[in-house]
Amino acid sequence: MQVGRGASSGLGRAIALAFAANGANSIICTDLRPDPRGDWGVNEPGVPTHELICRRYGEGRAQFVKADATMSEDVDRVVKKAVEIGGGWMCKYNRDFHSPIFERLKGTRS
């Protein structure tokens, strides 16, 4: 299970795509919106990251969860989804490793 914050665009998108390309089976792409901002790095710039992963590497490999890491209920939703589809998390990534999402995921590691 990989959970990425800010996965719709930029570095977060690149990392999510790299995880998928290297065999990750369950990726949760979190962001404020699914649509990418900018068009660098992929041939399909208007395609949301989770949809792009599923197109390239197989249905069900990634899901989008709308989340604002400053909102407790959003953080709870991401953690619940991670546990539901993957039994916890195996890897977390983003530029802010002290985000509330990652703090709450600590107790769910499978």
Protein backbone atom coordinates (compact mmCIF):
# COMPACT_ATOMS: atom_id res chain seq x y z
CA MET A 1 0.00 0.00 0.00
CA GLN A 2 1.40 3.35 -1.02
CA VAL A 3 -0.22 6.60 0.06
CA GLY A 4 0.84 9.80 -1.66
CA ARG A 5 -0.19 13.31 -0.75
CA GLY A 6 -0.25 15.82 -3.58
CA ALA A 7 -0.34 13.01 -6.14
CA SER A 8 -2.31 14.86 -8.81
CA SER A 9 0.57 16.97 -10.07
CA GLY A 10 4.26 17.65 -10.00
CA LEU A 11 6.57 15.56 -7.85
CA GLY A 12 3.70 13.70 -6.18
CA ARG A 13 2.40 12.59 -9.59
CA ALA A 14 5.86 11.55 -10.74
CA ILE A 15 6.39 9.49 -7.60
CA ALA A 16 2.99 7.77 -7.86
CA LEU A 17 3.71 6.86 -11.49
CA ALA A 18 7.17 5.56 -10.54
CA PHE A 19 5.72 3.34 -7.82
CA ALA A 20 3.21 1.93 -10.31
CA ALA A 21 5.89 1.36 -12.94
CA ASN A 22 7.89 -0.59 -10.39
CA GLY A 23 5.09 -2.94 -9.39
CA ALA A 24 3.11 -1.23 -6.62
CA ASN A 25 -0.33 -2.79 -6.53
CA SER A 26 -2.28 -0.44 -4.28
CA ILE A 27 -1.72 3.28 -4.57
CA ILE A 28 -3.90 5.92 -2.95
CA CYS A 29 -3.49 9.25 -4.70
CA THR A 30 -4.56 12.07 -2.40
CA ASP A 31 -4.93 15.72 -3.30
CA LEU A 32 -7.45 18.54 -3.21
CA ARG A 33 -8.62 17.62 -6.71
CA PRO A 34 -7.90 14.73 -9.10
CA ASP A 35 -7.10 16.87 -12.14
CA PRO A 36 -3.39 17.53 -12.71
CA ARG A 37 -2.01 21.03 -12.80
CA GLY A 38 0.52 21.46 -15.58
CA ASP A 39 1.41 19.08 -18.37
CA TRP A 40 5.01 18.04 -17.82
CA GLY A 41 6.29 14.51 -17.56
CA VAL A 42 3.54 12.45 -19.19
CA ASN A 43 2.04 11.96 -22.62
CA GLU A 44 -1.48 12.26 -21.19
CA PRO A 45 -1.32 15.58 -19.31
CA GLY A 46 -5.07 15.99 -18.71
CA VAL A 47 -5.60 12.52 -17.24
CA PRO A 48 -5.81 12.24 -13.44
CA THR A 49 -2.91 10.30 -11.92
CA HIS A 50 -5.01 7.43 -10.57
CA GLU A 51 -6.71 6.95 -13.96
CA LEU A 52 -3.37 7.07 -15.76
CA ILE A 53 -1.94 4.39 -13.46
CA CYS A 54 -4.97 2.15 -14.08
CA ARG A 55 -4.72 2.64 -17.86
CA ARG A 56 -1.02 1.85 -17.96
CA TYR A 57 -0.72 -0.86 -15.31
CA GLY A 58 -4.17 -2.36 -14.79
CA GLU A 59 -7.55 -1.55 -13.29
CA GLY A 60 -7.69 -1.19 -9.55
CA ARG A 61 -4.00 -0.35 -9.10
CA ALA A 62 -4.75 3.20 -7.91
CA GLN A 63 -7.57 5.18 -6.36
CA PHE A 64 -8.11 8.87 -5.74
CA VAL A 65 -9.18 10.14 -2.34
CA LYS A 66 -9.90 13.86 -2.04
CA ALA A 67 -8.07 15.08 1.02
CA ASP A 68 -6.89 18.26 2.66
CA ALA A 69 -4.22 17.17 5.14
CA THR A 70 -5.21 20.01 7.46
CA MET A 71 -8.77 18.65 7.84
CA SER A 72 -9.21 15.90 10.40
CA GLU A 73 -12.14 14.26 8.62
CA ASP A 74 -10.17 14.09 5.37
CA VAL A 75 -7.24 12.49 7.15
CA ASP A 76 -9.59 9.95 8.72
CA ARG A 77 -11.01 9.11 5.28
CA VAL A 78 -7.54 8.46 3.82
CA VAL A 79 -6.54 6.24 6.73
CA LYS A 80 -9.82 4.31 6.52
CA LYS A 81 -9.34 3.76 2.77
CA ALA A 82 -5.74 2.62 3.27
CA VAL A 83 -6.78 0.05 5.85
CA GLU A 84 -9.78 -1.04 3.78
CA ILE A 85 -7.90 -1.77 0.57
CA GLY A 86 -4.47 -2.66 1.82
CA GLY A 87 -4.61 -3.58 5.46
CA GLY A 88 -2.49 -0.55 6.31
CA TRP A 89 0.39 1.12 4.55
CA MET A 90 3.76 -0.04 3.39
CA CYS A 91 5.09 3.24 2.04
CA LYS A 92 4.16 6.87 2.41
CA TYR A 93 5.54 9.73 0.40
CA ASN A 94 5.31 13.46 -0.09
CA ARG A 95 7.29 16.55 0.73
CA ASP A 96 5.87 16.90 4.27
CA PHE A 97 6.48 13.74 6.26
CA HIS A 98 4.94 15.29 9.34
CA SER A 99 1.50 15.65 7.81
CA PRO A 100 -1.51 14.48 9.85
CA ILE A 101 -2.23 11.75 7.30
CA PHE A 102 1.11 10.11 7.89
CA GLU A 103 0.96 10.53 11.65
CA ARG A 104 -2.36 8.65 11.74
CA LEU A 105 -1.14 5.96 9.36
CA LYS A 106 1.68 5.02 11.74
CA GLY A 107 -0.60 2.77 13.77
CA THR A 108 -1.99 0.93 10.74
CA ARG A 109 1.19 -0.51 9.24
CA SER A 110 0.58 -4.05 8.04
